[in-house]
């Protein structure tokens, strides 16, 4: 079985495409999973906590 450069490039690009699509789907599912809501809300509000005004 002789694999040419073009064949390997096509396979790697296809694998990379499907890998990034799967990673994006996993990330979105994790972000919208109901049990993670509390942690994300706490993280969003922690940025505003202890803010008294502009930094001098």
PDB file of N, CA and C in Angstrom:
ATOM      1  N   UNK A   1       0.850  -1.175   0.000  1.00  0.00           N
ATOM      2  CA  UNK A   1       0.000   0.000   0.000  1.00  0.00           C
ATOM      3  C   UNK A   1       0.890   1.231   0.000  1.00  0.00           C
ATOM      4  N   UNK A   2       0.800   1.970  -1.063  1.00  0.00           N
ATOM      5  CA  UNK A   2       1.639   3.152  -1.229  1.00  0.00           C
ATOM      6  C   UNK A   2       0.792   4.402  -1.001  1.00  0.00           C
ATOM      7  N   UNK A   3       1.074   5.127   0.088  1.00  0.00           N
ATOM      8  CA  UNK A   3       0.349   6.359   0.386  1.00  0.00           C
ATOM      9  C   UNK A   3       1.130   7.548  -0.144  1.00  0.00           C
ATOM     10  N   UNK A   4       0.476   8.323  -0.953  1.00  0.00           N
ATOM     11  CA  UNK A   4       1.110   9.517  -1.493  1.00  0.00           C
ATOM     12  C   UNK A   4       0.871  10.690  -0.555  1.00  0.00           C
ATOM     13  N   UNK A   5       1.627  11.733  -0.797  1.00  0.00           N
ATOM     14  CA  UNK A   5       1.536  12.925   0.043  1.00  0.00           C
ATOM     15  C   UNK A   5       0.125  13.526  -0.004  1.00  0.00           C
ATOM     16  N   UNK A   6      -0.448  13.606  -1.186  1.00  0.00           N
ATOM     17  CA  UNK A   6      -1.783  14.197  -1.336  1.00  0.00           C
ATOM     18  C   UNK A   6      -2.836  13.399  -0.560  1.00  0.00           C
ATOM     19  N   UNK A   7      -2.699  12.093  -0.539  1.00  0.00           N
ATOM     20  CA  UNK A   7      -3.640  11.251   0.199  1.00  0.00           C
ATOM     21  C   UNK A   7      -3.518  11.497   1.690  1.00  0.00           C
ATOM     22  N   UNK A   8      -2.298  11.580   2.186  1.00  0.00           N
ATOM     23  CA  UNK A   8      -2.094  11.844   3.609  1.00  0.00           C
ATOM     24  C   UNK A   8      -2.591  13.230   4.007  1.00  0.00           C
ATOM     25  N   UNK A   9      -2.391  14.207   3.139  1.00  0.00           N
ATOM     26  CA  UNK A   9      -2.872  15.564   3.421  1.00  0.00           C
ATOM     27  C   UNK A   9      -4.395  15.570   3.489  1.00  0.00           C
ATOM     28  N   UNK A  10      -5.043  14.895   2.550  1.00  0.00           N
ATOM     29  CA  UNK A  10      -6.507  14.834   2.535  1.00  0.00           C
ATOM     30  C   UNK A  10      -7.041  14.140   3.794  1.00  0.00           C
ATOM     31  N   UNK A  11      -6.402  13.055   4.204  1.00  0.00           N
ATOM     32  CA  UNK A  11      -6.824  12.352   5.414  1.00  0.00           C
ATOM     33  C   UNK A  11      -6.631  13.217   6.662  1.00  0.00           C
ATOM     34  N   UNK A  12      -5.508  13.894   6.747  1.00  0.00           N
ATOM     35  CA  UNK A  12      -5.251  14.719   7.931  1.00  0.00           C
ATOM     36  C   UNK A  12      -6.196  15.919   7.992  1.00  0.00           C
ATOM     37  N   UNK A  13      -6.503  16.506   6.842  1.00  0.00           N
ATOM     38  CA  UNK A  13      -7.452  17.623   6.843  1.00  0.00           C
ATOM     39  C   UNK A  13      -8.852  17.162   7.236  1.00  0.00           C
ATOM     40  N   UNK A  14      -9.253  16.005   6.742  1.00  0.00           N
ATOM     41  CA  UNK A  14     -10.575  15.471   7.094  1.00  0.00           C
ATOM     42  C   UNK A  14     -10.644  15.143   8.585  1.00  0.00           C
ATOM     43  N   UNK A  15      -9.604  14.494   9.101  1.00  0.00           N
ATOM     44  CA  UNK A  15      -9.576  14.172  10.521  1.00  0.00           C
ATOM     45  C   UNK A  15      -9.595  15.442  11.366  1.00  0.00           C
ATOM     46  N   UNK A  16      -8.831  16.441  10.966  1.00  0.00           N
ATOM     47  CA  UNK A  16      -8.798  17.701  11.701  1.00  0.00           C
ATOM     48  C   UNK A  16     -10.144  18.398  11.703  1.00  0.00           C
ATOM     49  N   UNK A  17     -10.830  18.371  10.570  1.00  0.00           N
ATOM     50  CA  UNK A  17     -12.152  18.990  10.480  1.00  0.00           C
ATOM     51  C   UNK A  17     -13.134  18.325  11.425  1.00  0.00           C
ATOM     52  N   UNK A  18     -13.195  16.986  11.368  1.00  0.00           N
ATOM     53  CA  UNK A  18     -14.135  16.274  12.232  1.00  0.00           C
ATOM     54  C   UNK A  18     -13.740  16.389  13.704  1.00  0.00           C
ATOM     55  N   UNK A  19     -12.461  16.446  13.982  1.00  0.00           N
ATOM     56  CA  UNK A  19     -11.980  16.622  15.353  1.00  0.00           C
ATOM     57  C   UNK A  19     -12.438  17.974  15.910  1.00  0.00           C
ATOM     58  N   UNK A  20     -12.286  19.041  15.144  1.00  0.00           N
ATOM     59  CA  UNK A  20     -12.691  20.365  15.616  1.00  0.00           C
ATOM     60  C   UNK A  20     -14.205  20.487  15.749  1.00  0.00           C
ATOM     61  N   UNK A  21     -14.943  19.876  14.850  1.00  0.00           N
ATOM     62  CA  UNK A  21     -16.404  19.893  14.959  1.00  0.00           C
ATOM     63  C   UNK A  21     -16.840  19.158  16.223  1.00  0.00           C
ATOM     64  N   UNK A  22     -16.262  17.991  16.472  1.00  0.00           N
ATOM     65  CA  UNK A  22     -16.612  17.222  17.675  1.00  0.00           C
ATOM     66  C   UNK A  22     -16.229  17.983  18.939  1.00  0.00           C
ATOM     67  N   UNK A  23     -15.062  18.610  18.937  1.00  0.00           N
ATOM     68  CA  UNK A  23     -14.627  19.386  20.100  1.00  0.00           C
ATOM     69  C   UNK A  23     -15.556  20.573  20.359  1.00  0.00           C
ATOM     70  N   UNK A  24     -16.014  21.222  19.303  1.00  0.00           N
ATOM     71  CA  UNK A  24     -16.950  22.341  19.450  1.00  0.00           C
ATOM     72  C   UNK A  24     -18.285  21.878  20.016  1.00  0.00           C
ATOM     73  N   UNK A  25     -18.777  20.748  19.535  1.00  0.00           N
ATOM     74  CA  UNK A  25     -20.051  20.220  20.032  1.00  0.00           C
ATOM     75  C   UNK A  25     -19.929  19.845  21.501  1.00  0.00           C
ATOM     76  N   UNK A  26     -18.831  19.211  21.872  1.00  0.00           N
ATOM     77  CA  UNK A  26     -18.614  18.828  23.273  1.00  0.00           C
ATOM     78  C   UNK A  26     -18.541  20.060  24.158  1.00  0.00           C
ATOM     79  N   UNK A  27     -17.890  21.111  23.695  1.00  0.00           N
ATOM     80  CA  UNK A  27     -17.767  22.343  24.475  1.00  0.00           C
ATOM     81  C   UNK A  27     -19.131  23.005  24.679  1.00  0.00           C
ATOM     82  N   UNK A  28     -19.931  23.059  23.640  1.00  0.00           N
ATOM     83  CA  UNK A  28     -21.264  23.677  23.755  1.00  0.00           C
ATOM     84  C   UNK A  28     -22.157  22.852  24.678  1.00  0.00           C
ATOM     85  N   UNK A  29     -22.105  21.543  24.561  1.00  0.00           N
ATOM     86  CA  UNK A  29     -22.915  20.683  25.435  1.00  0.00           C
ATOM     87  C   UNK A  29     -22.488  20.879  26.889  1.00  0.00           C
ATOM     88  N   UNK A  30     -21.195  20.954  27.144  1.00  0.00           N
ATOM     89  CA  UNK A  30     -20.704  21.164  28.514  1.00  0.00           C
ATOM     90  C   UNK A  30     -21.155  22.521  29.058  1.00  0.00           C
ATOM     91  N   UNK A  31     -21.099  23.547  28.228  1.00  0.00           N
ATOM     92  CA  UNK A  31     -21.472  24.882  28.686  1.00  0.00           C
ATOM     93  C   UNK A  31     -22.962  24.988  29.005  1.00  0.00           C
ATOM     94  N   UNK A  32     -23.794  24.269  28.274  1.00  0.00           N
ATOM     95  CA  UNK A  32     -25.238  24.353  28.492  1.00  0.00           C
ATOM     96  C   UNK A  32     -25.800  23.221  29.333  1.00  0.00           C
ATOM     97  N   UNK A  33     -24.948  22.374  29.893  1.00  0.00           N
ATOM     98  CA  UNK A  33     -25.417  21.277  30.745  1.00  0.00           C
ATOM     99  C   UNK A  33     -26.034  21.876  32.007  1.00  0.00           C
ATOM    100  N   UNK A  34     -27.236  21.471  32.384  1.00  0.00           N
ATOM    101  CA  UNK A  34     -27.938  22.101  33.505  1.00  0.00           C
ATOM    102  C   UNK A  34     -27.178  22.065  34.833  1.00  0.00           C
ATOM    103  N   UNK A  35     -26.434  21.030  35.117  1.00  0.00           N
ATOM    104  CA  UNK A  35     -25.748  20.958  36.407  1.00  0.00           C
ATOM    105  C   UNK A  35     -24.557  21.914  36.495  1.00  0.00           C
ATOM    106  N   UNK A  36     -24.120  22.489  35.381  1.00  0.00           N
ATOM    107  CA  UNK A  36     -22.999  23.438  35.398  1.00  0.00           C
ATOM    108  C   UNK A  36     -23.453  24.877  35.562  1.00  0.00           C
ATOM    109  N   UNK A  37     -24.754  25.117  35.571  1.00  0.00           N
ATOM    110  CA  UNK A  37     -25.276  26.483  35.627  1.00  0.00           C
ATOM    111  C   UNK A  37     -24.816  27.218  36.880  1.00  0.00           C
ATOM    112  N   UNK A  38     -24.843  26.566  38.004  1.00  0.00           N
ATOM    113  CA  UNK A  38     -24.467  27.205  39.264  1.00  0.00           C
ATOM    114  C   UNK A  38     -23.006  27.683  39.232  1.00  0.00           C
ATOM    115  N   UNK A  39     -22.124  26.844  38.747  1.00  0.00           N
ATOM    116  CA  UNK A  39     -20.702  27.207  38.686  1.00  0.00           C
ATOM    117  C   UNK A  39     -20.466  28.368  37.722  1.00  0.00           C
ATOM    118  N   UNK A  40     -21.140  28.358  36.572  1.00  0.00           N
ATOM    119  CA  UNK A  40     -20.963  29.441  35.606  1.00  0.00           C
ATOM    120  C   UNK A  40     -21.562  30.750  36.124  1.00  0.00           C
ATOM    121  N   UNK A  41     -22.698  30.681  36.821  1.00  0.00           N
ATOM    122  CA  UNK A  41     -23.282  31.891  37.405  1.00  0.00           C
ATOM    123  C   UNK A  41     -22.369  32.473  38.474  1.00  0.00           C
ATOM    124  N   UNK A  42     -21.790  31.611  39.301  1.00  0.00           N
ATOM    125  CA  UNK A  42     -20.864  32.068  40.343  1.00  0.00           C
ATOM    126  C   UNK A  42     -19.626  32.724  39.718  1.00  0.00           C
ATOM    127  N   UNK A  43     -19.110  32.146  38.658  1.00  0.00           N
ATOM    128  CA  UNK A  43     -17.938  32.701  37.987  1.00  0.00           C
ATOM    129  C   UNK A  43     -18.260  34.043  37.331  1.00  0.00           C
ATOM    130  N   UNK A  44     -19.455  34.169  36.770  1.00  0.00           N
ATOM    131  CA  UNK A  44     -19.842  35.425  36.133  1.00  0.00           C
ATOM    132  C   UNK A  44     -20.005  36.544  37.149  1.00  0.00           C
ATOM    133  N   UNK A  45     -20.533  36.218  38.323  1.00  0.00           N
ATOM    134  CA  UNK A  45     -20.743  37.238  39.344  1.00  0.00           C
ATOM    135  C   UNK A  45     -19.470  37.556  40.120  1.00  0.00           C
ATOM    136  N   UNK A  46     -18.489  36.664  40.121  1.00  0.00           N
ATOM    137  CA  UNK A  46     -17.260  36.910  40.872  1.00  0.00           C
ATOM    138  C   UNK A  46     -16.459  38.049  40.266  1.00  0.00           C
ATOM    139  N   UNK A  47     -16.653  38.320  39.003  1.00  0.00           N
ATOM    140  CA  UNK A  47     -15.942  39.410  38.359  1.00  0.00           C
ATOM    141  C   UNK A  47     -16.430  40.746  38.915  1.00  0.00           C
ATOM    142  N   UNK A  48     -17.701  40.825  39.231  1.00  0.00           N
ATOM    143  CA  UNK A  48     -18.290  42.076  39.706  1.00  0.00           C
ATOM    144  C   UNK A  48     -18.195  42.246  41.218  1.00  0.00           C
ATOM    145  N   UNK A  49     -17.857  41.200  41.932  1.00  0.00           N
ATOM    146  CA  UNK A  49     -17.777  41.263  43.383  1.00  0.00           C
ATOM    147  C   UNK A  49     -16.587  42.125  43.804  1.00  0.00           C
ATOM    148  N   UNK A  50     -16.747  42.878  44.882  1.00  0.00           N
ATOM    149  CA  UNK A  50     -15.704  43.722  45.470  1.00  0.00           C
ATOM    150  C   UNK A  50     -15.221  44.806  44.505  1.00  0.00           C
ATOM    151  N   UNK A  51     -16.108  45.293  43.672  1.00  0.00           N
ATOM    152  CA  UNK A  51     -15.726  46.361  42.768  1.00  0.00           C
ATOM    153  C   UNK A  51     -16.309  47.650  43.314  1.00  0.00           C
ATOM    154  N   UNK A  52     -15.443  48.537  43.746  1.00  0.00           N
ATOM    155  CA  UNK A  52     -15.880  49.776  44.385  1.00  0.00           C
ATOM    156  C   UNK A  52     -15.862  50.944  43.426  1.00  0.00           C
ATOM    157  N   UNK A  53     -15.212  50.852  42.338  1.00  0.00           N
ATOM    158  CA  UNK A  53     -15.133  51.944  41.390  1.00  0.00           C
ATOM    159  C   UNK A  53     -13.965  51.735  40.457  1.00  0.00           C
ATOM    160  N   UNK A  54     -13.625  52.772  39.715  1.00  0.00           N
ATOM    161  CA  UNK A  54     -12.515  52.639  38.778  1.00  0.00           C
ATOM    162  C   UNK A  54     -11.173  52.449  39.502  1.00  0.00           C
ATOM    163  N   UNK A  55     -10.289  51.754  38.858  1.00  0.00           N
ATOM    164  CA  UNK A  55      -8.969  51.514  39.429  1.00  0.00           C
ATOM    165  C   UNK A  55      -8.138  52.779  39.325  1.00  0.00           C
ATOM    166  N   UNK A  56      -7.401  53.095  40.378  1.00  0.00           N
ATOM    167  CA  UNK A  56      -6.614  54.337  40.352  1.00  0.00           C
ATOM    168  C   UNK A  56      -5.219  54.085  39.938  1.00  0.00           C
TER     169      UNK A  56
END
